[in-house]
Amino acid sequence: MKSFCLFKKRILRKKLFMLTFGTLLSCSLVSQGASIHGFYKSKIEVAEAKRLLPIYCVDTNGEKKVALTFDAAWGAEDLTQIVEILEKYQVRATFFVVGDWARKYPEEVKLLIQKGHDVANHSNKHPHMNSMSKEEIKKDIMAADASIKEIAGKETKLFRPPYGEYNNTVVEATKECGYYCIQWDVDSLDWKNYGVQPLIDKVVNHKNLRPGSIILMHNGAKYTAQALEAIIKGVQDKGFIFVPVSELLLADEEYSIDFEGRQKSSQPIH
């Protein structure tokens, strides 16, 4: 009788152990399932929160076209020299001007238009837009827009964020103002004032220089005007032709922007 009772106790302990183990296993599986679900959910959320990109360059289907751009935010002492060099080589460029700059130098803005260059929007006050709300960004863009229209007598649909800073809010605000958001893929770094020949080499031998590139320079930098002629000749010697950004873009058609910021046509190739 005693041995039978011991046997029953062992059976009960075993059942209790199996029941406890089963409960723990079930909880573990549920927990793992929740973790897996959370993992995939986070991946989906990341995919949905895709970073929006400006246009860094353009797919030209191999045509060796590039755009030369200048940001104009401060002085204008070298602008006449820059314009004369551009005219000498029959190059039309794109000048992204700040509203304050345009109001301070209206005759220079008119000169750019007269010589056939793009005059584009580089903000009204050159702020750090990543810290601004969408409405604040749009207000700034459109204030510069009004000044450019009044002085230049024509509108632009090209916008470059100050300092090259952007986030999804900046890109969305730009689009909602009816503008293309433009960056660059060849940076001269001329504002660093590191000398004429280094500046020439930086642009002409840049690893990203290719069909559809957008080159960034600045008027008012110490060596830009001095290096400009050699830069134009060096790029042209590689077989490239210069066009304004307005002519480089795939405007008035459906397009996408790939992971490099390259604007590509979404229309089927016939």
Protein backbone atom coordinates (compact mmCIF):
# COMPACT_ATOMS: atom_id res chain seq x y z
CA MET A 1 0.00 0.00 0.00
CA LYS A 2 2.87 2.26 0.89
CA SER A 3 4.63 1.61 -2.43
CA PHE A 4 1.39 2.29 -4.31
CA CYS A 5 1.05 5.69 -2.60
CA LEU A 6 4.63 6.54 -3.51
CA PHE A 7 3.91 5.54 -7.12
CA LYS A 8 0.85 7.81 -7.21
CA LYS A 9 2.88 10.72 -5.82
CA ARG A 10 5.51 10.24 -8.54
CA ILE A 11 2.79 10.24 -11.23
CA LEU A 12 1.26 13.44 -9.82
CA ARG A 13 4.69 15.13 -9.67
CA LYS A 14 5.35 14.15 -13.29
CA LYS A 15 1.96 15.49 -14.42
CA LEU A 16 2.59 18.72 -12.49
CA PHE A 17 6.06 19.05 -14.09
CA MET A 18 4.68 18.45 -17.59
CA LEU A 19 1.86 20.93 -17.01
CA THR A 20 4.29 23.59 -15.72
CA PHE A 21 6.76 22.94 -18.56
CA GLY A 22 3.96 23.13 -21.13
CA THR A 23 2.74 26.43 -19.72
CA LEU A 24 6.25 27.89 -19.75
CA LEU A 25 6.86 26.65 -23.29
CA SER A 26 3.58 28.12 -24.47
CA CYS A 27 4.41 31.48 -22.89
CA SER A 28 7.87 31.39 -24.45
CA LEU A 29 6.46 30.73 -27.91
CA VAL A 30 3.92 33.52 -27.50
CA SER A 31 6.70 35.83 -26.38
CA GLN A 32 8.88 34.83 -29.32
CA GLY A 33 5.95 35.32 -31.67
CA ALA A 34 5.41 38.79 -30.26
CA SER A 35 9.10 39.55 -30.73
CA ILE A 36 9.06 38.35 -34.34
CA HIS A 37 5.90 40.32 -35.00
CA GLY A 38 7.51 43.39 -33.44
CA PHE A 39 10.62 42.90 -35.59
CA TYR A 40 8.64 42.78 -38.83
CA LYS A 41 6.42 45.60 -37.70
CA SER A 42 9.47 47.81 -37.05
CA LYS A 43 10.90 46.89 -40.45
CA ILE A 44 7.62 47.87 -42.12
CA GLU A 45 7.54 51.15 -40.20
CA VAL A 46 11.11 51.93 -41.31
CA ALA A 47 10.19 51.18 -44.93
CA GLU A 48 7.12 53.39 -44.67
CA ALA A 49 9.21 56.24 -43.19
CA LYS A 50 11.34 56.40 -46.35
CA ARG A 51 13.71 59.32 -46.59
CA LEU A 52 12.84 61.73 -49.39
CA LEU A 53 15.71 62.91 -51.58
CA PRO A 54 16.29 66.08 -53.60
CA ILE A 55 17.72 65.86 -57.14
CA TYR A 56 21.49 65.46 -56.98
CA CYS A 57 22.02 64.63 -60.67
CA VAL A 58 20.01 63.59 -63.74
CA ASP A 59 19.91 60.50 -65.92
CA THR A 60 20.65 61.94 -69.39
CA ASN A 61 20.75 58.59 -71.20
CA GLY A 62 24.46 59.04 -71.79
CA GLU A 63 24.29 62.59 -73.19
CA LYS A 64 27.35 64.36 -71.79
CA LYS A 65 25.48 67.32 -70.35
CA VAL A 66 26.30 68.85 -66.97
CA ALA A 67 25.06 71.90 -65.08
CA LEU A 68 27.27 74.55 -63.49
CA THR A 69 25.64 76.21 -60.49
CA PHE A 70 26.58 79.09 -58.20
CA ASP A 71 25.09 79.89 -54.81
CA ALA A 72 24.80 83.65 -54.24
CA ALA A 73 24.22 84.54 -50.61
CA TRP A 74 26.76 87.23 -49.74
CA GLY A 75 28.92 89.67 -51.75
CA ALA A 76 28.84 90.32 -55.51
CA GLU A 77 32.35 91.72 -56.12
CA ASP A 78 33.38 88.92 -58.46
CA LEU A 79 30.06 88.46 -60.24
CA THR A 80 30.90 90.58 -63.29
CA GLN A 81 34.13 88.63 -63.82
CA ILE A 82 32.28 85.31 -63.49
CA VAL A 83 29.63 86.41 -65.99
CA GLU A 84 32.31 87.55 -68.48
CA ILE A 85 34.09 84.19 -68.29
CA LEU A 86 30.83 82.31 -68.77
CA GLU A 87 30.02 84.49 -71.77
CA LYS A 88 33.49 83.92 -73.26
CA TYR A 89 32.89 80.16 -73.31
CA GLN A 90 29.18 80.47 -74.14
CA VAL A 91 28.21 78.73 -70.91
CA ARG A 92 24.82 79.32 -69.36
CA ALA A 93 24.80 78.56 -65.65
CA THR A 94 22.29 78.51 -62.80
CA PHE A 95 22.57 81.01 -59.95
CA PHE A 96 20.72 80.10 -56.75
CA VAL A 97 20.16 83.48 -55.09
CA VAL A 98 19.02 84.28 -51.58
CA GLY A 99 16.16 86.77 -51.34
CA ASP A 100 18.23 89.17 -49.25
CA TRP A 101 21.01 89.02 -51.86
CA ALA A 102 18.61 89.67 -54.74
CA ARG A 103 17.16 92.72 -52.98
CA LYS A 104 20.65 94.05 -52.23
CA TYR A 105 21.96 93.44 -55.77
CA PRO A 106 18.98 93.86 -58.12
CA GLU A 107 21.12 95.04 -61.05
CA GLU A 108 23.27 91.91 -60.79
CA VAL A 109 20.13 89.76 -60.88
CA LYS A 110 18.98 91.57 -64.02
CA LEU A 111 22.42 91.05 -65.57
CA LEU A 112 22.18 87.30 -65.00
CA ILE A 113 18.80 87.20 -66.70
CA GLN A 114 20.06 89.35 -69.57
CA LYS A 115 22.94 86.93 -70.19
CA GLY A 116 20.61 83.92 -70.31
CA HIS A 117 21.40 82.31 -66.97
CA ASP A 118 18.92 80.62 -64.64
CA VAL A 119 18.14 82.69 -61.56
CA ALA A 120 16.85 80.25 -58.97
CA ASN A 121 15.67 80.30 -55.35
CA HIS A 122 18.11 79.73 -52.47
CA SER A 123 15.71 80.78 -49.66
CA ASN A 124 14.84 84.22 -48.39
CA LYS A 125 17.11 84.53 -45.34
CA HIS A 126 19.47 81.51 -45.67
CA PRO A 127 18.18 79.76 -42.51
CA HIS A 128 18.80 76.24 -41.20
CA MET A 129 15.58 74.71 -42.50
CA ASN A 130 15.92 71.33 -40.76
CA SER A 131 14.79 73.01 -37.55
CA MET A 132 11.81 74.78 -39.14
CA SER A 133 8.18 73.72 -39.54
CA LYS A 134 6.76 73.07 -42.98
CA GLU A 135 4.78 76.30 -42.93
CA GLU A 136 7.85 78.32 -41.92
CA ILE A 137 9.84 76.76 -44.77
CA LYS A 138 7.12 77.48 -47.31
CA LYS A 139 6.81 81.07 -46.09
CA ASP A 140 10.57 81.58 -46.53
CA ILE A 141 10.66 80.01 -50.01
CA MET A 142 7.73 82.06 -51.25
CA ALA A 143 9.15 85.33 -49.85
CA ALA A 144 12.27 84.78 -51.99
CA ASP A 145 10.01 83.74 -54.86
CA ALA A 146 8.22 87.10 -54.73
CA SER A 147 11.49 89.07 -54.75
CA ILE A 148 12.94 87.09 -57.67
CA LYS A 149 9.78 87.58 -59.73
CA GLU A 150 9.71 91.30 -58.99
CA ILE A 151 13.38 91.89 -59.85
CA ALA A 152 14.01 89.34 -62.59
CA GLY A 153 10.62 89.67 -64.26
CA LYS A 154 10.28 85.88 -64.46
CA GLU A 155 9.64 83.00 -62.13
CA THR A 156 11.75 79.98 -61.24
CA LYS A 157 10.84 76.49 -60.10
CA LEU A 158 14.30 75.53 -58.84
CA PHE A 159 15.08 75.62 -55.11
CA ARG A 160 18.29 74.74 -53.26
CA PRO A 161 18.11 74.48 -49.46
CA PRO A 162 20.65 76.62 -47.57
CA TYR A 163 23.78 74.75 -46.45
CA GLY A 164 22.55 71.75 -48.44
CA GLU A 165 20.53 70.75 -45.37
CA TYR A 166 17.26 68.93 -45.86
CA ASN A 167 14.88 66.41 -44.36
CA ASN A 168 11.50 65.07 -45.45
CA THR A 169 9.78 68.25 -44.31
CA VAL A 170 12.06 70.43 -46.45
CA VAL A 171 11.57 68.26 -49.53
CA GLU A 172 7.80 68.13 -49.05
CA ALA A 173 7.56 71.89 -48.47
CA THR A 174 9.60 72.53 -51.62
CA LYS A 175 7.29 70.35 -53.69
CA GLU A 176 4.17 71.94 -52.21
CA CYS A 177 5.52 75.36 -53.30
CA GLY A 178 5.72 74.02 -56.87
CA TYR A 179 9.51 73.76 -56.86
CA TYR A 180 12.11 71.11 -57.70
CA CYS A 181 14.50 70.57 -54.77
CA ILE A 182 18.05 70.66 -56.19
CA GLN A 183 21.33 69.52 -54.64
CA TRP A 184 24.61 68.61 -56.39
CA ASP A 185 26.89 65.61 -56.88
CA VAL A 186 30.12 67.51 -57.69
CA ASP A 187 31.13 69.82 -54.84
CA SER A 188 33.97 72.25 -55.60
CA LEU A 189 34.36 73.13 -51.90
CA ASP A 190 35.49 76.54 -53.17
CA TRP A 191 34.35 78.19 -49.95
CA LYS A 192 37.30 76.53 -48.19
CA ASN A 193 39.65 78.86 -50.12
CA TYR A 194 42.36 76.22 -50.61
CA GLY A 195 43.89 77.73 -53.77
CA VAL A 196 43.34 78.00 -57.53
CA GLN A 197 44.90 74.75 -58.77
CA PRO A 198 43.42 72.55 -56.03
CA LEU A 199 40.01 74.03 -56.89
CA ILE A 200 40.48 73.27 -60.60
CA ASP A 201 41.57 69.70 -59.84
CA LYS A 202 38.71 69.19 -57.40
CA VAL A 203 36.09 69.82 -60.09
CA VAL A 204 37.76 68.58 -63.29
CA ASN A 205 38.95 65.32 -61.71
CA HIS A 206 36.00 64.78 -59.39
CA LYS A 207 35.04 61.11 -59.05
CA ASN A 208 31.35 61.91 -59.59
CA LEU A 209 31.74 64.00 -62.75
CA ARG A 210 29.59 62.23 -65.34
CA PRO A 211 26.64 62.86 -67.66
CA GLY A 212 23.90 64.62 -65.70
CA SER A 213 26.14 65.99 -62.94
CA ILE A 214 25.31 69.19 -61.09
CA ILE A 215 28.41 71.16 -60.05
CA LEU A 216 28.32 73.39 -56.97
CA MET A 217 30.31 76.63 -56.76
CA HIS A 218 29.85 79.98 -55.01
CA ASN A 219 30.34 83.55 -56.09
CA GLY A 220 32.20 85.52 -53.46
CA ALA A 221 34.65 82.67 -52.66
CA LYS A 222 38.30 83.73 -52.78
CA TYR A 223 39.51 81.69 -55.80
CA THR A 224 36.32 80.84 -57.70
CA ALA A 225 36.58 83.52 -60.39
CA GLN A 226 40.31 82.84 -60.85
CA ALA A 227 39.78 79.09 -61.29
CA LEU A 228 36.58 79.25 -63.34
CA GLU A 229 38.09 79.52 -66.83
CA ALA A 230 40.35 76.48 -66.34
CA ILE A 231 37.46 74.52 -64.82
CA ILE A 232 35.22 75.21 -67.81
CA LYS A 233 37.98 74.28 -70.27
CA GLY A 234 38.88 71.14 -68.30
CA VAL A 235 35.29 69.89 -68.18
CA GLN A 236 34.72 70.72 -71.86
CA ASP A 237 37.96 68.90 -72.79
CA LYS A 238 36.37 65.76 -71.29
CA GLY A 239 33.58 66.08 -73.85
CA PHE A 240 30.93 67.64 -71.62
CA ILE A 241 28.65 70.53 -72.55
CA PHE A 242 27.17 72.92 -69.99
CA VAL A 243 23.44 73.57 -69.76
CA PRO A 244 21.38 75.34 -67.07
CA VAL A 245 19.69 73.13 -64.49
CA SER A 246 16.33 74.02 -66.04
CA GLU A 247 17.44 72.29 -69.25
CA LEU A 248 19.16 69.37 -67.51
CA LEU A 249 16.08 68.33 -65.52
CA LEU A 250 13.47 65.91 -66.76
CA ALA A 251 10.72 68.49 -66.49
CA ASP A 252 7.08 68.07 -67.53
CA GLU A 253 7.24 64.29 -67.32
CA GLU A 254 6.92 61.55 -64.72
CA TYR A 255 10.15 60.76 -62.93
CA SER A 256 11.62 58.94 -59.96
CA ILE A 257 14.69 59.61 -57.80
CA ASP A 258 16.95 56.66 -57.02
CA PHE A 259 19.09 56.04 -53.94
CA GLU A 260 21.88 58.28 -55.35
CA GLY A 261 19.49 61.19 -55.84
CA ARG A 262 19.56 60.67 -59.61
CA GLN A 263 16.41 61.87 -61.38
CA LYS A 264 15.17 59.21 -63.81
CA SER A 265 12.31 59.14 -66.27
CA SER A 266 9.38 56.92 -65.27
CA GLN A 267 8.01 56.88 -68.79
CA PRO A 268 8.38 53.63 -70.76
CA ILE A 269 11.16 53.53 -73.37
CA HIS A 270 9.78 52.90 -76.87
